[in-house]
Amino acid sequence: MSPLVKLFIDAILDENSNRTIDDVPKSLRAKVQAGLDEYYAEQAKNESAE
């Protein structure tokens, strides 16, 4: 994952940020969305394991 994609993912996940997927350039949106999907899948997996 490129540093720029990771930066966008971190900004979207940051509770103090108002960033959304709409703020991501269209050329990177699919990669950022895939990273977010992976993050949320991991979160769901961790919650179900508890």
N, C-alpha and C. Protein backbone atom coordinates (compact mmCIF):
# COMPACT_ATOMS: atom_id res chain seq x y z
N MET A 1 0.85 -1.17 0.00
CA MET A 1 0.00 0.00 0.00
C MET A 1 0.90 1.23 0.00
N SER A 2 0.59 2.14 -0.89
CA SER A 2 1.43 3.33 -1.00
C SER A 2 1.21 4.25 0.20
N PRO A 3 2.21 5.04 0.53
CA PRO A 3 2.08 5.96 1.66
C PRO A 3 0.92 6.95 1.48
N LEU A 4 0.66 7.36 0.25
CA LEU A 4 -0.42 8.30 0.01
C LEU A 4 -1.78 7.66 0.29
N VAL A 5 -1.95 6.42 -0.13
CA VAL A 5 -3.20 5.69 0.15
C VAL A 5 -3.37 5.53 1.65
N LYS A 6 -2.29 5.16 2.34
CA LYS A 6 -2.35 5.00 3.79
C LYS A 6 -2.70 6.32 4.47
N LEU A 7 -2.17 7.41 3.97
CA LEU A 7 -2.46 8.73 4.52
C LEU A 7 -3.96 9.05 4.40
N PHE A 8 -4.53 8.77 3.25
CA PHE A 8 -5.96 9.01 3.08
C PHE A 8 -6.79 8.13 4.00
N ILE A 9 -6.40 6.86 4.14
CA ILE A 9 -7.13 5.95 5.02
C ILE A 9 -7.06 6.45 6.46
N ASP A 10 -5.88 6.82 6.90
CA ASP A 10 -5.72 7.34 8.27
C ASP A 10 -6.55 8.60 8.49
N ALA A 11 -6.60 9.48 7.49
CA ALA A 11 -7.37 10.72 7.62
C ALA A 11 -8.86 10.42 7.71
N ILE A 12 -9.34 9.45 6.94
CA ILE A 12 -10.76 9.10 6.97
C ILE A 12 -11.12 8.45 8.30
N LEU A 13 -10.23 7.63 8.83
CA LEU A 13 -10.51 6.94 10.09
C LEU A 13 -10.33 7.83 11.31
N ASP A 14 -9.63 8.94 11.16
CA ASP A 14 -9.38 9.85 12.27
C ASP A 14 -10.69 10.52 12.70
N GLU A 15 -11.06 10.34 13.96
CA GLU A 15 -12.31 10.89 14.47
C GLU A 15 -12.30 12.42 14.48
N ASN A 16 -11.14 13.02 14.51
CA ASN A 16 -11.03 14.48 14.55
C ASN A 16 -10.99 15.10 13.16
N SER A 17 -11.11 14.27 12.14
CA SER A 17 -11.04 14.73 10.76
C SER A 17 -12.42 14.61 10.11
N ASN A 18 -12.70 15.51 9.21
CA ASN A 18 -13.96 15.46 8.47
C ASN A 18 -13.78 14.86 7.09
N ARG A 19 -12.68 14.18 6.87
CA ARG A 19 -12.40 13.59 5.56
C ARG A 19 -13.32 12.42 5.28
N THR A 20 -13.72 12.29 4.03
CA THR A 20 -14.54 11.17 3.58
C THR A 20 -13.93 10.61 2.30
N ILE A 21 -14.50 9.51 1.83
CA ILE A 21 -14.02 8.90 0.59
C ILE A 21 -14.18 9.88 -0.58
N ASP A 22 -15.12 10.81 -0.47
CA ASP A 22 -15.32 11.80 -1.54
C ASP A 22 -14.16 12.77 -1.66
N ASP A 23 -13.34 12.89 -0.61
CA ASP A 23 -12.17 13.77 -0.63
C ASP A 23 -10.97 13.14 -1.33
N VAL A 24 -11.07 11.86 -1.61
CA VAL A 24 -9.96 11.13 -2.23
C VAL A 24 -10.04 11.31 -3.75
N PRO A 25 -8.90 11.59 -4.39
CA PRO A 25 -8.92 11.69 -5.86
C PRO A 25 -9.44 10.39 -6.48
N LYS A 26 -10.18 10.53 -7.57
CA LYS A 26 -10.80 9.36 -8.20
C LYS A 26 -9.78 8.29 -8.58
N SER A 27 -8.56 8.71 -8.92
CA SER A 27 -7.54 7.74 -9.32
C SER A 27 -7.10 6.84 -8.17
N LEU A 28 -7.29 7.27 -6.93
CA LEU A 28 -6.87 6.50 -5.76
C LEU A 28 -8.05 5.91 -4.98
N ARG A 29 -9.25 6.29 -5.35
CA ARG A 29 -10.44 5.94 -4.56
C ARG A 29 -10.62 4.44 -4.37
N ALA A 30 -10.40 3.66 -5.42
CA ALA A 30 -10.59 2.20 -5.31
C ALA A 30 -9.60 1.60 -4.33
N LYS A 31 -8.36 2.06 -4.36
CA LYS A 31 -7.35 1.53 -3.44
C LYS A 31 -7.65 1.93 -1.99
N VAL A 32 -8.09 3.16 -1.81
CA VAL A 32 -8.43 3.63 -0.46
C VAL A 32 -9.65 2.86 0.06
N GLN A 33 -10.65 2.66 -0.80
CA GLN A 33 -11.85 1.92 -0.39
C GLN A 33 -11.49 0.49 -0.03
N ALA A 34 -10.59 -0.14 -0.79
CA ALA A 34 -10.16 -1.50 -0.48
C ALA A 34 -9.46 -1.54 0.88
N GLY A 35 -8.65 -0.54 1.17
CA GLY A 35 -7.98 -0.47 2.46
C GLY A 35 -8.96 -0.28 3.60
N LEU A 36 -9.97 0.55 3.38
CA LEU A 36 -11.00 0.76 4.41
C LEU A 36 -11.81 -0.52 4.63
N ASP A 37 -12.14 -1.20 3.53
CA ASP A 37 -12.88 -2.46 3.65
C ASP A 37 -12.08 -3.48 4.45
N GLU A 38 -10.79 -3.53 4.20
CA GLU A 38 -9.91 -4.45 4.93
C GLU A 38 -9.87 -4.08 6.42
N TYR A 39 -9.79 -2.80 6.72
CA TYR A 39 -9.77 -2.33 8.10
C TYR A 39 -11.06 -2.71 8.82
N TYR A 40 -12.20 -2.44 8.19
CA TYR A 40 -13.48 -2.73 8.83
C TYR A 40 -13.72 -4.23 8.97
N ALA A 41 -13.24 -5.02 8.02
CA ALA A 41 -13.36 -6.48 8.12
C ALA A 41 -12.55 -6.98 9.30
N GLU A 42 -11.37 -6.42 9.50
CA GLU A 42 -10.52 -6.80 10.62
C GLU A 42 -11.18 -6.41 11.95
N GLN A 43 -11.79 -5.23 11.99
CA GLN A 43 -12.48 -4.79 13.18
C GLN A 43 -13.64 -5.73 13.53
N ALA A 44 -14.41 -6.12 12.52
CA ALA A 44 -15.54 -7.02 12.73
C ALA A 44 -15.06 -8.38 13.21
N LYS A 45 -13.96 -8.83 12.65
CA LYS A 45 -13.38 -10.12 13.04
C LYS A 45 -12.93 -10.07 14.50
N ASN A 46 -12.31 -8.97 14.90
CA ASN A 46 -11.85 -8.82 16.28
C ASN A 46 -13.01 -8.72 17.25
N GLU A 47 -14.09 -8.05 16.87
CA GLU A 47 -15.25 -7.93 17.75
C GLU A 47 -15.96 -9.27 17.92
N SER A 48 -16.02 -10.06 16.86
CA SER A 48 -16.70 -11.35 16.96
C SER A 48 -15.86 -12.35 17.74
N ALA A 49 -14.57 -12.13 17.83
CA ALA A 49 -13.70 -13.04 18.56
C ALA A 49 -13.78 -12.78 20.07
N GLU A 50 -14.27 -11.62 20.46
CA GLU A 50 -14.34 -11.27 21.88
C GLU A 50 -15.51 -11.88 22.57
